[in-house]
PDB file of N, CA and C in Angstrom:
ATOM      1  N   UNK A   1      -8.064  11.266   6.325  1.00  0.00           N
ATOM      2  CA  UNK A   1      -8.181  11.175   7.754  1.00  0.00           C
ATOM      3  C   UNK A   1      -9.585  11.658   8.126  1.00  0.00           C
ATOM      4  N   UNK A   2     -10.240  10.914   9.000  1.00  0.00           N
ATOM      5  CA  UNK A   2     -11.569  11.344   9.396  1.00  0.00           C
ATOM      6  C   UNK A   2     -11.898  10.876  10.793  1.00  0.00           C
ATOM      7  N   UNK A   3     -12.891  11.521  11.368  1.00  0.00           N
ATOM      8  CA  UNK A   3     -13.439  11.117  12.658  1.00  0.00           C
ATOM      9  C   UNK A   3     -14.824  10.547  12.382  1.00  0.00           C
ATOM     10  N   UNK A   4     -15.125   9.413  12.945  1.00  0.00           N
ATOM     11  CA  UNK A   4     -16.353   8.688  12.624  1.00  0.00           C
ATOM     12  C   UNK A   4     -17.062   8.288  13.916  1.00  0.00           C
ATOM     13  N   UNK A   5     -17.598   9.281  14.611  1.00  0.00           N
ATOM     14  CA  UNK A   5     -18.200   9.054  15.931  1.00  0.00           C
ATOM     15  C   UNK A   5     -19.271   7.973  15.939  1.00  0.00           C
ATOM     16  N   UNK A   6     -20.054   7.852  14.897  1.00  0.00           N
ATOM     17  CA  UNK A   6     -21.123   6.858  14.877  1.00  0.00           C
ATOM     18  C   UNK A   6     -20.702   5.499  14.371  1.00  0.00           C
ATOM     19  N   UNK A   7     -19.497   5.388  13.831  1.00  0.00           N
ATOM     20  CA  UNK A   7     -19.000   4.110  13.348  1.00  0.00           C
ATOM     21  C   UNK A   7     -19.524   3.685  11.995  1.00  0.00           C
ATOM     22  N   UNK A   8     -20.188   4.607  11.267  1.00  0.00           N
ATOM     23  CA  UNK A   8     -20.755   4.231   9.961  1.00  0.00           C
ATOM     24  C   UNK A   8     -19.670   3.872   8.954  1.00  0.00           C
ATOM     25  N   UNK A   9     -18.663   4.719   8.831  1.00  0.00           N
ATOM     26  CA  UNK A   9     -17.586   4.457   7.875  1.00  0.00           C
ATOM     27  C   UNK A   9     -16.744   3.269   8.347  1.00  0.00           C
ATOM     28  N   UNK A  10     -16.432   3.250   9.638  1.00  0.00           N
ATOM     29  CA  UNK A  10     -15.646   2.149  10.190  1.00  0.00           C
ATOM     30  C   UNK A  10     -16.312   0.805  10.008  1.00  0.00           C
ATOM     31  N   UNK A  11     -17.626   0.759  10.078  1.00  0.00           N
ATOM     32  CA  UNK A  11     -18.359  -0.497   9.870  1.00  0.00           C
ATOM     33  C   UNK A  11     -18.210  -0.975   8.427  1.00  0.00           C
ATOM     34  N   UNK A  12     -18.272  -0.045   7.480  1.00  0.00           N
ATOM     35  CA  UNK A  12     -18.125  -0.391   6.064  1.00  0.00           C
ATOM     36  C   UNK A  12     -16.755  -1.012   5.804  1.00  0.00           C
ATOM     37  N   UNK A  13     -15.720  -0.454   6.440  1.00  0.00           N
ATOM     38  CA  UNK A  13     -14.355  -0.933   6.219  1.00  0.00           C
ATOM     39  C   UNK A  13     -13.929  -2.024   7.201  1.00  0.00           C
ATOM     40  N   UNK A  14     -14.820  -2.426   8.088  1.00  0.00           N
ATOM     41  CA  UNK A  14     -14.539  -3.531   8.994  1.00  0.00           C
ATOM     42  C   UNK A  14     -13.593  -3.206  10.136  1.00  0.00           C
ATOM     43  N   UNK A  15     -13.511  -1.929  10.529  1.00  0.00           N
ATOM     44  CA  UNK A  15     -12.604  -1.556  11.616  1.00  0.00           C
ATOM     45  C   UNK A  15     -13.342  -1.008  12.844  1.00  0.00           C
ATOM     46  N   UNK A  16     -14.653  -1.029  12.816  1.00  0.00           N
ATOM     47  CA  UNK A  16     -15.423  -0.505  13.943  1.00  0.00           C
ATOM     48  C   UNK A  16     -15.597  -1.578  15.008  1.00  0.00           C
ATOM     49  N   UNK A  17     -15.218  -1.277  16.233  1.00  0.00           N
ATOM     50  CA  UNK A  17     -15.384  -2.174  17.372  1.00  0.00           C
ATOM     51  C   UNK A  17     -16.665  -1.752  18.085  1.00  0.00           C
ATOM     52  N   UNK A  18     -17.736  -2.466  17.807  1.00  0.00           N
ATOM     53  CA  UNK A  18     -19.041  -2.092  18.338  1.00  0.00           C
ATOM     54  C   UNK A  18     -19.077  -2.117  19.868  1.00  0.00           C
ATOM     55  N   UNK A  19     -18.423  -3.099  20.478  1.00  0.00           N
ATOM     56  CA  UNK A  19     -18.417  -3.198  21.944  1.00  0.00           C
ATOM     57  C   UNK A  19     -17.750  -1.986  22.586  1.00  0.00           C
ATOM     58  N   UNK A  20     -16.639  -1.529  22.007  1.00  0.00           N
ATOM     59  CA  UNK A  20     -15.913  -0.383  22.568  1.00  0.00           C
ATOM     60  C   UNK A  20     -16.456   0.942  22.046  1.00  0.00           C
ATOM     61  N   UNK A  21     -17.199   0.895  20.933  1.00  0.00           N
ATOM     62  CA  UNK A  21     -17.757   2.119  20.356  1.00  0.00           C
ATOM     63  C   UNK A  21     -16.740   2.985  19.636  1.00  0.00           C
ATOM     64  N   UNK A  22     -15.637   2.380  19.197  1.00  0.00           N
ATOM     65  CA  UNK A  22     -14.587   3.107  18.479  1.00  0.00           C
ATOM     66  C   UNK A  22     -14.025   2.243  17.348  1.00  0.00           C
ATOM     67  N   UNK A  23     -13.314   2.918  16.436  1.00  0.00           N
ATOM     68  CA  UNK A  23     -12.641   2.189  15.372  1.00  0.00           C
ATOM     69  C   UNK A  23     -11.222   1.830  15.778  1.00  0.00           C
ATOM     70  N   UNK A  24     -10.755   0.722  15.215  1.00  0.00           N
ATOM     71  CA  UNK A  24      -9.335   0.413  15.276  1.00  0.00           C
ATOM     72  C   UNK A  24      -8.710   1.317  14.223  1.00  0.00           C
ATOM     73  N   UNK A  25      -7.554   1.877  14.511  1.00  0.00           N
ATOM     74  CA  UNK A  25      -6.922   2.792  13.555  1.00  0.00           C
ATOM     75  C   UNK A  25      -6.572   2.045  12.280  1.00  0.00           C
ATOM     76  N   UNK A  26      -6.953   2.621  11.163  1.00  0.00           N
ATOM     77  CA  UNK A  26      -6.675   1.998   9.880  1.00  0.00           C
ATOM     78  C   UNK A  26      -6.284   3.019   8.838  1.00  0.00           C
ATOM     79  N   UNK A  27      -5.538   2.548   7.841  1.00  0.00           N
ATOM     80  CA  UNK A  27      -5.143   3.382   6.712  1.00  0.00           C
ATOM     81  C   UNK A  27      -5.558   2.628   5.465  1.00  0.00           C
ATOM     82  N   UNK A  28      -6.304   3.304   4.599  1.00  0.00           N
ATOM     83  CA  UNK A  28      -6.790   2.703   3.367  1.00  0.00           C
ATOM     84  C   UNK A  28      -6.329   3.558   2.197  1.00  0.00           C
ATOM     85  N   UNK A  29      -5.699   2.939   1.214  1.00  0.00           N
ATOM     86  CA  UNK A  29      -5.291   3.643  -0.003  1.00  0.00           C
ATOM     87  C   UNK A  29      -6.329   3.298  -1.058  1.00  0.00           C
ATOM     88  N   UNK A  30      -7.057   4.324  -1.490  1.00  0.00           N
ATOM     89  CA  UNK A  30      -8.181   4.137  -2.413  1.00  0.00           C
ATOM     90  C   UNK A  30      -7.869   4.885  -3.702  1.00  0.00           C
ATOM     91  N   UNK A  31      -7.981   4.184  -4.835  1.00  0.00           N
ATOM     92  CA  UNK A  31      -7.643   4.815  -6.116  1.00  0.00           C
ATOM     93  C   UNK A  31      -8.781   5.724  -6.596  1.00  0.00           C
ATOM     94  N   UNK A  32      -8.556   6.477  -7.676  1.00  0.00           N
ATOM     95  CA  UNK A  32      -9.586   7.413  -8.156  1.00  0.00           C
ATOM     96  C   UNK A  32     -10.914   6.752  -8.529  1.00  0.00           C
ATOM     97  N   UNK A  33     -10.910   5.456  -8.797  1.00  0.00           N
ATOM     98  CA  UNK A  33     -12.157   4.746  -9.108  1.00  0.00           C
ATOM     99  C   UNK A  33     -12.861   4.243  -7.852  1.00  0.00           C
ATOM    100  N   UNK A  34     -12.263   4.482  -6.685  1.00  0.00           N
ATOM    101  CA  UNK A  34     -12.867   4.046  -5.432  1.00  0.00           C
ATOM    102  C   UNK A  34     -12.493   2.633  -5.026  1.00  0.00           C
ATOM    103  N   UNK A  35     -11.485   2.048  -5.661  1.00  0.00           N
ATOM    104  CA  UNK A  35     -11.052   0.684  -5.355  1.00  0.00           C
ATOM    105  C   UNK A  35      -9.935   0.732  -4.313  1.00  0.00           C
ATOM    106  N   UNK A  36     -10.082  -0.063  -3.257  1.00  0.00           N
ATOM    107  CA  UNK A  36      -9.039  -0.133  -2.239  1.00  0.00           C
ATOM    108  C   UNK A  36      -7.837  -0.857  -2.836  1.00  0.00           C
ATOM    109  N   UNK A  37      -6.698  -0.176  -2.875  1.00  0.00           N
ATOM    110  CA  UNK A  37      -5.471  -0.764  -3.410  1.00  0.00           C
ATOM    111  C   UNK A  37      -4.576  -1.299  -2.294  1.00  0.00           C
ATOM    112  N   UNK A  38      -4.701  -0.753  -1.101  1.00  0.00           N
ATOM    113  CA  UNK A  38      -3.909  -1.209   0.027  1.00  0.00           C
ATOM    114  C   UNK A  38      -4.526  -0.744   1.319  1.00  0.00           C
ATOM    115  N   UNK A  39      -4.262  -1.476   2.379  1.00  0.00           N
ATOM    116  CA  UNK A  39      -4.749  -1.056   3.685  1.00  0.00           C
ATOM    117  C   UNK A  39      -3.872  -1.636   4.783  1.00  0.00           C
ATOM    118  N   UNK A  40      -3.923  -0.993   5.923  1.00  0.00           N
ATOM    119  CA  UNK A  40      -3.194  -1.451   7.096  1.00  0.00           C
ATOM    120  C   UNK A  40      -4.039  -1.106   8.309  1.00  0.00           C
ATOM    121  N   UNK A  41      -4.248  -2.071   9.171  1.00  0.00           N
ATOM    122  CA  UNK A  41      -5.000  -1.859  10.396  1.00  0.00           C
ATOM    123  C   UNK A  41      -4.130  -2.349  11.546  1.00  0.00           C
ATOM    124  N   UNK A  42      -3.885  -1.469  12.492  1.00  0.00           N
ATOM    125  CA  UNK A  42      -3.040  -1.792  13.643  1.00  0.00           C
ATOM    126  C   UNK A  42      -3.810  -1.574  14.936  1.00  0.00           C
ATOM    127  N   UNK A  43      -3.615  -2.457  15.876  1.00  0.00           N
ATOM    128  CA  UNK A  43      -4.244  -2.257  17.172  1.00  0.00           C
ATOM    129  C   UNK A  43      -3.363  -1.341  18.012  1.00  0.00           C
ATOM    130  N   UNK A  44      -3.993  -0.548  18.867  1.00  0.00           N
ATOM    131  CA  UNK A  44      -3.197   0.315  19.738  1.00  0.00           C
ATOM    132  C   UNK A  44      -2.338  -0.571  20.635  1.00  0.00           C
ATOM    133  N   UNK A  45      -1.202  -0.177  21.050  1.00  0.00           N
ATOM    134  CA  UNK A  45      -0.578   1.126  20.938  1.00  0.00           C
ATOM    135  C   UNK A  45       0.441   1.230  19.807  1.00  0.00           C
ATOM    136  N   UNK A  46       0.357   0.364  18.791  1.00  0.00           N
ATOM    137  CA  UNK A  46       1.333   0.403  17.700  1.00  0.00           C
ATOM    138  C   UNK A  46       0.978   1.522  16.732  1.00  0.00           C
ATOM    139  N   UNK A  47       1.950   2.375  16.469  1.00  0.00           N
ATOM    140  CA  UNK A  47       1.729   3.518  15.587  1.00  0.00           C
ATOM    141  C   UNK A  47       1.979   3.174  14.128  1.00  0.00           C
ATOM    142  N   UNK A  48       1.545   4.060  13.275  1.00  0.00           N
ATOM    143  CA  UNK A  48       1.724   3.895  11.843  1.00  0.00           C
ATOM    144  C   UNK A  48       2.949   4.681  11.387  1.00  0.00           C
ATOM    145  N   UNK A  49       3.426   4.368  10.176  1.00  0.00           N
ATOM    146  CA  UNK A  49       4.610   5.007   9.630  1.00  0.00           C
ATOM    147  C   UNK A  49       4.211   5.825   8.407  1.00  0.00           C
ATOM    148  N   UNK A  50       4.166   7.141   8.526  1.00  0.00           N
ATOM    149  CA  UNK A  50       3.722   8.001   7.433  1.00  0.00           C
ATOM    150  C   UNK A  50       4.663   7.903   6.235  1.00  0.00           C
ATOM    151  N   UNK A  51       5.957   7.706   6.482  1.00  0.00           N
ATOM    152  CA  UNK A  51       6.905   7.574   5.369  1.00  0.00           C
ATOM    153  C   UNK A  51       6.567   6.358   4.510  1.00  0.00           C
ATOM    154  N   UNK A  52       6.202   5.259   5.156  1.00  0.00           N
ATOM    155  CA  UNK A  52       5.830   4.056   4.404  1.00  0.00           C
ATOM    156  C   UNK A  52       4.508   4.273   3.675  1.00  0.00           C
ATOM    157  N   UNK A  53       3.583   4.964   4.294  1.00  0.00           N
ATOM    158  CA  UNK A  53       2.306   5.255   3.624  1.00  0.00           C
ATOM    159  C   UNK A  53       2.542   6.090   2.365  1.00  0.00           C
ATOM    160  N   UNK A  54       3.373   7.108   2.461  1.00  0.00           N
ATOM    161  CA  UNK A  54       3.674   7.952   1.296  1.00  0.00           C
ATOM    162  C   UNK A  54       4.404   7.167   0.214  1.00  0.00           C
ATOM    163  N   UNK A  55       5.339   6.290   0.614  1.00  0.00           N
ATOM    164  CA  UNK A  55       6.050   5.464  -0.348  1.00  0.00           C
ATOM    165  C   UNK A  55       5.078   4.566  -1.108  1.00  0.00           C
ATOM    166  N   UNK A  56       4.146   3.978  -0.396  1.00  0.00           N
ATOM    167  CA  UNK A  56       3.165   3.104  -1.040  1.00  0.00           C
ATOM    168  C   UNK A  56       2.265   3.885  -1.991  1.00  0.00           C
ATOM    169  N   UNK A  57       1.837   5.071  -1.611  1.00  0.00           N
ATOM    170  CA  UNK A  57       1.015   5.896  -2.506  1.00  0.00           C
ATOM    171  C   UNK A  57       1.790   6.199  -3.780  1.00  0.00           C
ATOM    172  N   UNK A  58       3.060   6.566  -3.645  1.00  0.00           N
ATOM    173  CA  UNK A  58       3.887   6.849  -4.824  1.00  0.00           C
ATOM    174  C   UNK A  58       4.044   5.604  -5.693  1.00  0.00           C
ATOM    175  N   UNK A  59       4.197   4.444  -5.078  1.00  0.00           N
ATOM    176  CA  UNK A  59       4.320   3.196  -5.830  1.00  0.00           C
ATOM    177  C   UNK A  59       3.027   2.890  -6.584  1.00  0.00           C
ATOM    178  N   UNK A  60       1.883   3.028  -5.915  1.00  0.00           N
ATOM    179  CA  UNK A  60       0.600   2.788  -6.583  1.00  0.00           C
ATOM    180  C   UNK A  60       0.400   3.765  -7.736  1.00  0.00           C
ATOM    181  N   UNK A  61       0.793   5.020  -7.553  1.00  0.00           N
ATOM    182  CA  UNK A  61       0.669   6.011  -8.624  1.00  0.00           C
ATOM    183  C   UNK A  61       1.551   5.654  -9.811  1.00  0.00           C
ATOM    184  N   UNK A  62       2.787   5.224  -9.546  1.00  0.00           N
ATOM    185  CA  UNK A  62       3.688   4.842 -10.632  1.00  0.00           C
ATOM    186  C   UNK A  62       3.115   3.675 -11.426  1.00  0.00           C
ATOM    187  N   UNK A  63       2.655   2.652 -10.730  1.00  0.00           N
ATOM    188  CA  UNK A  63       2.090   1.478 -11.399  1.00  0.00           C
ATOM    189  C   UNK A  63       0.856   1.873 -12.203  1.00  0.00           C
ATOM    190  N   UNK A  64       0.012   2.706 -11.622  1.00  0.00           N
ATOM    191  CA  UNK A  64      -1.205   3.157 -12.322  1.00  0.00           C
ATOM    192  C   UNK A  64      -0.848   3.966 -13.563  1.00  0.00           C
ATOM    193  N   UNK A  65       0.093   4.901 -13.426  1.00  0.00           N
ATOM    194  CA  UNK A  65       0.484   5.736 -14.565  1.00  0.00           C
ATOM    195  C   UNK A  65       1.159   4.932 -15.671  1.00  0.00           C
ATOM    196  N   UNK A  66       1.818   3.838 -15.295  1.00  0.00           N
ATOM    197  CA  UNK A  66       2.482   2.992 -16.306  1.00  0.00           C
ATOM    198  C   UNK A  66       1.501   2.015 -16.938  1.00  0.00           C
ATOM    199  N   UNK A  67       0.259   2.032 -16.471  1.00  0.00           N
ATOM    200  CA  UNK A  67      -0.784   1.116 -16.940  1.00  0.00           C
ATOM    201  C   UNK A  67      -0.376  -0.354 -16.775  1.00  0.00           C
ATOM    202  N   UNK A  68       0.365  -0.615 -15.691  1.00  0.00           N
ATOM    203  CA  UNK A  68       0.742  -1.982 -15.358  1.00  0.00           C
ATOM    204  C   UNK A  68       1.997  -2.494 -16.046  1.00  0.00           C
ATOM    205  N   UNK A  69       2.696  -1.631 -16.783  1.00  0.00           N
ATOM    206  CA  UNK A  69       3.922  -2.083 -17.448  1.00  0.00           C
ATOM    207  C   UNK A  69       5.119  -2.049 -16.508  1.00  0.00           C
ATOM    208  N   UNK A  70       4.943  -1.469 -15.322  1.00  0.00           N
ATOM    209  CA  UNK A  70       5.997  -1.437 -14.315  1.00  0.00           C
ATOM    210  C   UNK A  70       5.427  -1.916 -12.992  1.00  0.00           C
ATOM    211  N   UNK A  71       6.276  -2.556 -12.207  1.00  0.00           N
ATOM    212  CA  UNK A  71       5.910  -3.001 -10.860  1.00  0.00           C
ATOM    213  C   UNK A  71       7.006  -2.541  -9.914  1.00  0.00           C
ATOM    214  N   UNK A  72       6.641  -2.307  -8.674  1.00  0.00           N
ATOM    215  CA  UNK A  72       7.614  -1.840  -7.701  1.00  0.00           C
ATOM    216  C   UNK A  72       7.929  -2.969  -6.721  1.00  0.00           C
ATOM    217  N   UNK A  73       9.194  -3.342  -6.630  1.00  0.00           N
ATOM    218  CA  UNK A  73       9.559  -4.398  -5.689  1.00  0.00           C
ATOM    219  C   UNK A  73       9.495  -3.901  -4.250  1.00  0.00           C
ATOM    220  N   UNK A  74       9.605  -4.823  -3.326  1.00  0.00           N
ATOM    221  CA  UNK A  74       9.614  -4.489  -1.904  1.00  0.00           C
ATOM    222  C   UNK A  74      10.679  -3.444  -1.617  1.00  0.00           C
ATOM    223  N   UNK A  75      10.296  -2.421  -0.872  1.00  0.00           N
ATOM    224  CA  UNK A  75      11.235  -1.376  -0.502  1.00  0.00           C
ATOM    225  C   UNK A  75      11.521  -0.358  -1.590  1.00  0.00           C
ATOM    226  N   UNK A  76      10.838  -0.462  -2.738  1.00  0.00           N
ATOM    227  CA  UNK A  76      11.051   0.484  -3.842  1.00  0.00           C
ATOM    228  C   UNK A  76      10.840   1.907  -3.345  1.00  0.00           C
ATOM    229  N   UNK A  77      11.643   2.834  -3.878  1.00  0.00           N
ATOM    230  CA  UNK A  77      11.488   4.258  -3.588  1.00  0.00           C
ATOM    231  C   UNK A  77      11.507   5.012  -4.912  1.00  0.00           C
ATOM    232  N   UNK A  78      10.872   6.183  -4.980  1.00  0.00           N
ATOM    233  CA  UNK A  78      10.868   6.973  -6.211  1.00  0.00           C
ATOM    234  C   UNK A  78      12.295   7.174  -6.743  1.00  0.00           C
ATOM    235  N   UNK A  79      12.432   6.984  -8.039  1.00  0.00           N
ATOM    236  CA  UNK A  79      13.731   7.140  -8.681  1.00  0.00           C
ATOM    237  C   UNK A  79      14.522   5.851  -8.774  1.00  0.00           C
ATOM    238  N   UNK A  80      14.074   4.810  -8.086  1.00  0.00           N
ATOM    239  CA  UNK A  80      14.768   3.526  -8.119  1.00  0.00           C
ATOM    240  C   UNK A  80      14.221   2.665  -9.261  1.00  0.00           C
ATOM    241  N   UNK A  81      14.929   1.599  -9.568  1.00  0.00           N
ATOM    242  CA  UNK A  81      14.571   0.694 -10.656  1.00  0.00           C
ATOM    243  C   UNK A  81      13.245   0.001 -10.354  1.00  0.00           C
ATOM    244  N   UNK A  82      12.426  -0.152 -11.397  1.00  0.00           N
ATOM    245  CA  UNK A  82      11.178  -0.897 -11.273  1.00  0.00           C
ATOM    246  C   UNK A  82      11.344  -2.224 -12.009  1.00  0.00           C
ATOM    247  N   UNK A  83      10.396  -3.106 -11.808  1.00  0.00           N
ATOM    248  CA  UNK A  83      10.381  -4.379 -12.518  1.00  0.00           C
ATOM    249  C   UNK A  83       9.416  -4.281 -13.679  1.00  0.00           C
ATOM    250  N   UNK A  84       9.685  -5.015 -14.745  1.00  0.00           N
ATOM    251  CA  UNK A  84       8.819  -5.048 -15.930  1.00  0.00           C
ATOM    252  C   UNK A  84       8.106  -6.401 -15.953  1.00  0.00           C
ATOM    253  N   UNK A  85       6.840  -6.441 -15.524  1.00  0.00           N
ATOM    254  CA  UNK A  85       6.121  -7.717 -15.478  1.00  0.00           C
ATOM    255  C   UNK A  85       6.048  -8.376 -16.856  1.00  0.00           C
ATOM    256  N   UNK A  86       6.164  -9.676 -16.887  1.00  0.00           N
ATOM    257  CA  UNK A  86       6.057 -10.435 -18.130  1.00  0.00           C
ATOM    258  C   UNK A  86       6.547 -11.843 -17.907  1.00  0.00           C
ATOM    259  N   UNK A  87       6.328 -12.706 -18.895  1.00  0.00           N
ATOM    260  CA  UNK A  87       6.724 -14.122 -18.767  1.00  0.00           C
ATOM    261  C   UNK A  87       8.207 -14.310 -18.452  1.00  0.00           C
ATOM    262  N   UNK A  88       9.063 -13.427 -18.988  1.00  0.00           N
ATOM    263  CA  UNK A  88      10.504 -13.572 -18.749  1.00  0.00           C
ATOM    264  C   UNK A  88      10.892 -13.277 -17.301  1.00  0.00           C
ATOM    265  N   UNK A  89      10.017 -12.655 -16.535  1.00  0.00           N
ATOM    266  CA  UNK A  89      10.294 -12.322 -15.141  1.00  0.00           C
ATOM    267  C   UNK A  89       9.862 -13.435 -14.187  1.00  0.00           C
ATOM    268  N   UNK A  90       8.978 -14.305 -14.648  1.00  0.00           N
ATOM    269  CA  UNK A  90       8.437 -15.362 -13.794  1.00  0.00           C
ATOM    270  C   UNK A  90       9.578 -16.246 -13.271  1.00  0.00           C
ATOM    271  N   UNK A  91       9.634 -16.374 -11.956  1.00  0.00           N
ATOM    272  CA  UNK A  91      10.651 -17.186 -11.304  1.00  0.00           C
ATOM    273  C   UNK A  91      12.014 -16.534 -11.233  1.00  0.00           C
ATOM    274  N   UNK A  92      12.141 -15.294 -11.724  1.00  0.00           N
ATOM    275  CA  UNK A  92      13.437 -14.627 -11.744  1.00  0.00           C
ATOM    276  C   UNK A  92      13.414 -13.264 -11.058  1.00  0.00           C
ATOM    277  N   UNK A  93      12.386 -12.972 -10.302  1.00  0.00           N
ATOM    278  CA  UNK A  93      12.265 -11.659  -9.665  1.00  0.00           C
ATOM    279  C   UNK A  93      13.482 -11.378  -8.796  1.00  0.00           C
ATOM    280  N   UNK A  94      13.859 -12.340  -7.952  1.00  0.00           N
ATOM    281  CA  UNK A  94      14.992 -12.108  -7.057  1.00  0.00           C
ATOM    282  C   UNK A  94      16.270 -11.874  -7.858  1.00  0.00           C
ATOM    283  N   UNK A  95      16.477 -12.640  -8.908  1.00  0.00           N
ATOM    284  CA  UNK A  95      17.678 -12.489  -9.743  1.00  0.00           C
ATOM    285  C   UNK A  95      17.744 -11.088 -10.361  1.00  0.00           C
ATOM    286  N   UNK A  96      16.629 -10.630 -10.912  1.00  0.00           N
ATOM    287  CA  UNK A  96      16.573  -9.300 -11.524  1.00  0.00           C
ATOM    288  C   UNK A  96      16.742  -8.234 -10.442  1.00  0.00           C
ATOM    289  N   UNK A  97      16.057  -8.431  -9.337  1.00  0.00           N
ATOM    290  CA  UNK A  97      16.075  -7.442  -8.260  1.00  0.00           C
ATOM    291  C   UNK A  97      17.472  -7.261  -7.709  1.00  0.00           C
ATOM    292  N   UNK A  98      18.151  -8.359  -7.375  1.00  0.00           N
ATOM    293  CA  UNK A  98      19.478  -8.225  -6.754  1.00  0.00           C
ATOM    294  C   UNK A  98      20.501  -7.661  -7.750  1.00  0.00           C
ATOM    295  N   UNK A  99      20.348  -7.963  -9.034  1.00  0.00           N
ATOM    296  CA  UNK A  99      21.265  -7.441 -10.044  1.00  0.00           C
ATOM    297  C   UNK A  99      21.043  -5.958 -10.285  1.00  0.00           C
ATOM    298  N   UNK A 100      19.797  -5.552 -10.485  1.00  0.00           N
ATOM    299  CA  UNK A 100      19.488  -4.167 -10.832  1.00  0.00           C
ATOM    300  C   UNK A 100      19.424  -3.249  -9.627  1.00  0.00           C
ATOM    301  N   UNK A 101      19.039  -3.761  -8.479  1.00  0.00           N
ATOM    302  CA  UNK A 101      18.888  -2.921  -7.300  1.00  0.00           C
ATOM    303  C   UNK A 101      20.219  -2.729  -6.576  1.00  0.00           C
ATOM    304  N   UNK A 102      21.072  -3.714  -6.654  1.00  0.00           N
ATOM    305  CA  UNK A 102      22.379  -3.673  -6.003  1.00  0.00           C
ATOM    306  C   UNK A 102      22.285  -3.209  -4.546  1.00  0.00           C
ATOM    307  N   UNK A 103      21.169  -3.542  -3.912  1.00  0.00           N
ATOM    308  CA  UNK A 103      20.947  -3.244  -2.491  1.00  0.00           C
ATOM    309  C   UNK A 103      21.245  -1.792  -2.116  1.00  0.00           C
ATOM    310  N   UNK A 104      20.827  -0.855  -2.942  1.00  0.00           N
ATOM    311  CA  UNK A 104      21.062   0.550  -2.595  1.00  0.00           C
ATOM    312  C   UNK A 104      19.983   1.034  -1.748  1.00  0.00           C
TER     313      UNK A 104
END
């Protein structure tokens, strides 16, 4: 979280509104190498959801720690089943997801 009165950081990330002199609120998830892994930019007055931001950070950490051998499906939460990327999963994500997730 930061305040960027001059718009330098906001300009780099494409969220600075030069005419208004302010940034549009944005959330950027940046990995340890400095690569943006996810972002969300919302115009006021729509607020952000910290629970979803934390869930996404945990998902990115899990995928990173697994070195890409695990993927997190939509709505994944810590402790829930992950997907194992590979040729056998192609075209069958929904089948695997509905069987293993059982909509919990």
